[in-house]
Protein backbone atom coordinates (compact mmCIF):
# COMPACT_ATOMS: atom_id res chain seq x y z
CA UNK A 1 -12.16 -22.94 -13.46
CA UNK A 2 -11.73 -25.35 -16.18
CA UNK A 3 -13.21 -29.00 -16.25
CA UNK A 4 -10.67 -31.08 -18.57
CA UNK A 5 -11.99 -34.59 -19.43
CA UNK A 6 -8.99 -36.42 -20.83
CA UNK A 7 -8.60 -39.98 -22.40
CA UNK A 8 -5.72 -42.46 -23.15
CA UNK A 9 -5.65 -39.82 -26.11
CA UNK A 10 -2.05 -39.63 -27.76
CA UNK A 11 -0.38 -36.66 -29.91
CA UNK A 12 1.59 -38.03 -31.96
CA UNK A 13 4.19 -36.71 -34.31
CA UNK A 14 7.40 -38.40 -36.17
CA UNK A 15 8.89 -40.41 -33.88
CA UNK A 16 8.04 -38.54 -30.97
CA UNK A 17 4.49 -38.03 -28.63
CA UNK A 18 2.93 -36.24 -25.57
CA UNK A 19 0.27 -37.88 -23.27
CA UNK A 20 -2.19 -35.63 -23.22
CA UNK A 21 -3.47 -36.92 -20.19
CA UNK A 22 0.15 -35.98 -18.13
CA UNK A 23 -0.64 -34.32 -14.94
CA UNK A 24 1.37 -31.57 -15.92
CA UNK A 25 -0.24 -30.59 -18.69
CA UNK A 26 -3.67 -31.08 -17.12
CA UNK A 27 -2.28 -28.47 -14.20
CA UNK A 28 -0.64 -26.17 -17.10
CA UNK A 29 -4.46 -26.24 -18.77
CA UNK A 30 -6.15 -25.09 -15.89
CA UNK A 31 -3.88 -21.46 -16.10
CA UNK A 32 -3.71 -21.91 -20.26
CA UNK A 33 -5.82 -20.75 -22.25
CA UNK A 34 -4.79 -23.45 -25.18
CA UNK A 35 -7.00 -27.09 -24.26
CA UNK A 36 -4.64 -29.73 -22.59
CA UNK A 37 -4.61 -31.34 -26.22
CA UNK A 38 -2.94 -28.20 -27.87
CA UNK A 39 -0.14 -27.55 -24.98
CA UNK A 40 0.75 -31.43 -25.47
CA UNK A 41 0.75 -30.61 -28.93
CA UNK A 42 2.90 -28.48 -28.88
CA UNK A 43 5.33 -29.62 -26.78
CA UNK A 44 5.15 -32.87 -29.61
CA UNK A 45 6.47 -29.99 -31.94
CA UNK A 46 9.56 -28.69 -29.96
CA UNK A 47 11.07 -32.08 -29.30
CA UNK A 48 10.00 -33.67 -33.00
CA UNK A 49 11.83 -30.19 -34.53
CA UNK A 50 14.85 -31.00 -31.83
CA UNK A 51 14.90 -34.81 -32.54
CA UNK A 52 15.73 -33.45 -36.15
CA UNK A 53 17.59 -30.51 -35.60
CA UNK A 54 19.97 -33.11 -33.46
CA UNK A 55 19.70 -36.08 -36.22
CA UNK A 56 21.85 -33.33 -38.25
CA UNK A 57 25.52 -33.11 -37.61
CA UNK A 58 26.40 -30.25 -40.27
CA UNK A 59 24.14 -28.33 -38.14
CA UNK A 60 25.48 -29.16 -34.09
CA UNK A 61 28.61 -27.18 -34.81
CA UNK A 62 26.94 -24.20 -36.90
CA UNK A 63 24.31 -23.49 -35.28
CA UNK A 64 22.75 -23.14 -31.52
CA UNK A 65 18.85 -23.22 -31.84
CA UNK A 66 15.67 -22.37 -29.37
CA UNK A 67 12.33 -23.47 -30.67
CA UNK A 68 9.12 -23.08 -28.88
CA UNK A 69 6.24 -23.86 -29.62
CA UNK A 70 2.57 -22.04 -28.95
CA UNK A 71 -0.96 -23.23 -30.35
CA UNK A 72 0.54 -24.16 -33.56
CA UNK A 73 3.47 -21.25 -33.79
CA UNK A 74 6.13 -21.92 -33.63
CA UNK A 75 9.53 -18.96 -32.60
CA UNK A 76 12.97 -19.92 -33.62
CA UNK A 77 15.90 -17.64 -31.79
CA UNK A 78 19.12 -18.41 -31.91
CA UNK A 79 22.41 -18.82 -34.18
CA UNK A 80 23.42 -19.99 -37.60
CA UNK A 81 26.86 -19.02 -39.33
CA UNK A 82 25.27 -18.39 -42.63
CA UNK A 83 21.89 -18.23 -44.68
CA UNK A 84 22.18 -21.60 -45.67
CA UNK A 85 22.70 -23.11 -42.61
CA UNK A 86 19.80 -21.13 -40.94
CA UNK A 87 17.40 -21.93 -44.55
CA UNK A 88 17.94 -25.55 -43.46
CA UNK A 89 16.91 -25.48 -40.48
CA UNK A 90 13.52 -23.13 -40.94
CA UNK A 91 13.39 -25.95 -43.84
CA UNK A 92 13.35 -28.39 -40.98
CA UNK A 93 10.69 -26.51 -38.84
CA UNK A 94 8.17 -26.14 -41.07
CA UNK A 95 7.77 -29.64 -42.13
CA UNK A 96 7.35 -31.07 -38.85
CA UNK A 97 3.80 -31.76 -38.28
CA UNK A 98 1.24 -29.95 -36.40
CA UNK A 99 3.26 -26.65 -36.96
CA UNK A 100 1.06 -23.51 -38.26
CA UNK A 101 3.52 -20.63 -38.70
CA UNK A 102 6.97 -20.06 -38.37
CA UNK A 103 8.67 -17.54 -36.91
CA UNK A 104 12.00 -17.05 -37.61
CA UNK A 105 14.71 -15.32 -35.50
CA UNK A 106 17.61 -16.74 -36.56
CA UNK A 107 20.90 -14.39 -36.35
CA UNK A 108 23.38 -14.96 -38.56
CA UNK A 109 26.19 -15.28 -36.40
CA UNK A 110 28.16 -17.95 -34.41
CA UNK A 111 26.99 -19.32 -31.53
CA UNK A 112 26.81 -18.04 -28.68
CA UNK A 113 28.65 -18.94 -25.15
CA UNK A 114 27.33 -20.71 -22.35
CA UNK A 115 27.71 -17.16 -20.17
CA UNK A 116 25.63 -16.00 -22.95
CA UNK A 117 22.80 -18.65 -22.02
CA UNK A 118 22.98 -18.17 -19.44
CA UNK A 119 22.28 -14.81 -18.55
CA UNK A 120 19.28 -15.33 -21.23
CA UNK A 121 18.00 -17.79 -18.84
CA UNK A 122 17.94 -15.14 -15.78
CA UNK A 123 16.32 -12.81 -17.72
CA UNK A 124 13.43 -15.20 -18.84
CA UNK A 125 13.43 -16.65 -14.45
CA UNK A 126 13.27 -12.39 -13.36
CA UNK A 127 10.78 -11.72 -16.17
CA UNK A 128 8.59 -14.47 -15.62
CA UNK A 129 8.97 -13.30 -11.92
CA UNK A 130 8.09 -9.79 -12.80
CA UNK A 131 4.85 -10.55 -14.89
CA UNK A 132 3.23 -12.41 -11.56
CA UNK A 133 3.02 -9.18 -10.04
CA UNK A 134 0.53 -8.42 -12.32
CA UNK A 135 -3.09 -8.35 -10.19
CA UNK A 136 -4.72 -5.62 -12.21
CA UNK A 137 -6.20 -7.24 -14.93
CA UNK A 138 -9.08 -9.50 -14.30
CA UNK A 139 -8.92 -13.37 -15.49
CA UNK A 140 -4.83 -12.70 -16.40
CA UNK A 141 -2.38 -15.75 -15.33
CA UNK A 142 0.71 -14.62 -15.78
CA UNK A 143 1.46 -18.44 -17.14
CA UNK A 144 -0.21 -17.49 -19.70
CA UNK A 145 2.71 -15.30 -21.42
CA UNK A 146 5.70 -17.35 -22.75
CA UNK A 147 9.00 -15.91 -21.79
CA UNK A 148 11.90 -16.48 -24.32
CA UNK A 149 15.21 -14.23 -23.76
CA UNK A 150 18.03 -14.74 -26.33
CA UNK A 151 21.04 -12.57 -26.59
CA UNK A 152 18.88 -10.07 -23.96
CA UNK A 153 15.83 -9.56 -26.92
CA UNK A 154 13.21 -11.24 -25.18
CA UNK A 155 10.07 -12.98 -27.40
CA UNK A 156 6.37 -13.15 -25.98
CA UNK A 157 4.56 -15.68 -26.55
CA UNK A 158 0.41 -16.86 -25.81
CA UNK A 159 -3.19 -16.52 -26.18
CA UNK A 160 -4.10 -13.05 -24.58
CA UNK A 161 -6.25 -9.51 -24.77
CA UNK A 162 -4.40 -6.71 -26.20
CA UNK A 163 -4.99 -4.76 -23.15
CA UNK A 164 -3.44 -7.49 -21.31
CA UNK A 165 -0.40 -7.88 -24.00
CA UNK A 166 0.06 -3.71 -22.77
CA UNK A 167 0.39 -4.37 -19.40
CA UNK A 168 2.82 -7.21 -20.04
CA UNK A 169 5.32 -5.21 -22.33
CA UNK A 170 4.88 -2.05 -20.14
CA UNK A 171 6.20 -4.91 -17.20
CA UNK A 172 8.99 -6.08 -19.46
CA UNK A 173 10.34 -2.53 -20.35
CA UNK A 174 11.18 -1.89 -16.97
CA UNK A 175 13.52 -5.06 -16.76
CA UNK A 176 17.20 -4.90 -16.81
CA UNK A 177 19.26 -5.30 -19.47
CA UNK A 178 16.59 -6.07 -22.30
CA UNK A 179 17.48 -4.50 -25.62
CA UNK A 180 14.77 -5.54 -27.67
CA UNK A 181 11.13 -6.78 -26.87
CA UNK A 182 9.69 -8.55 -29.89
CA UNK A 183 5.40 -10.29 -28.72
CA UNK A 184 4.69 -13.18 -31.28
CA UNK A 185 0.98 -13.52 -29.07
CA UNK A 186 -1.92 -14.17 -31.10
CA UNK A 187 -4.84 -11.67 -29.70
CA UNK A 188 -8.08 -12.72 -29.27
CA UNK A 189 -9.95 -9.12 -29.73
């Protein structure tokens, strides 16, 4: 079990801040290969990006954007109506503090309807539940893998070993309605 010693440290970036001593973050760090500070930093990155994107009136009706950060790597998914909007979104993401890498998976398309987003959320929940059934890997916790689904394409993020990644991909491959699997893993070996 990891011991976590936290002070009143705040990870700040722009206007948002996420306390590294948040009990939810501390609990997540027990089953994660990131430190509590890294988890807090990732949450700050996500909040700062969302804030910047929401403040841009041009993007509100011309894009649907999801951002997920894991150990400083940001996965950008969703739809933008043209290349100019897509490039503007990625330019905003790249200048956010603590962003180390941007995975640009924005599609050029009109923003998805609510039913498609609800379907993606259900797929994510089903896949996350399926990953909890992996019991053959030592030191593996399903919470080490962040699952993101966009238009039935499943993105997998996390700091894992290659053997763990292979098992995770195999489990996801057998889930219904998955169009494609894209791994955004940070491999430890």
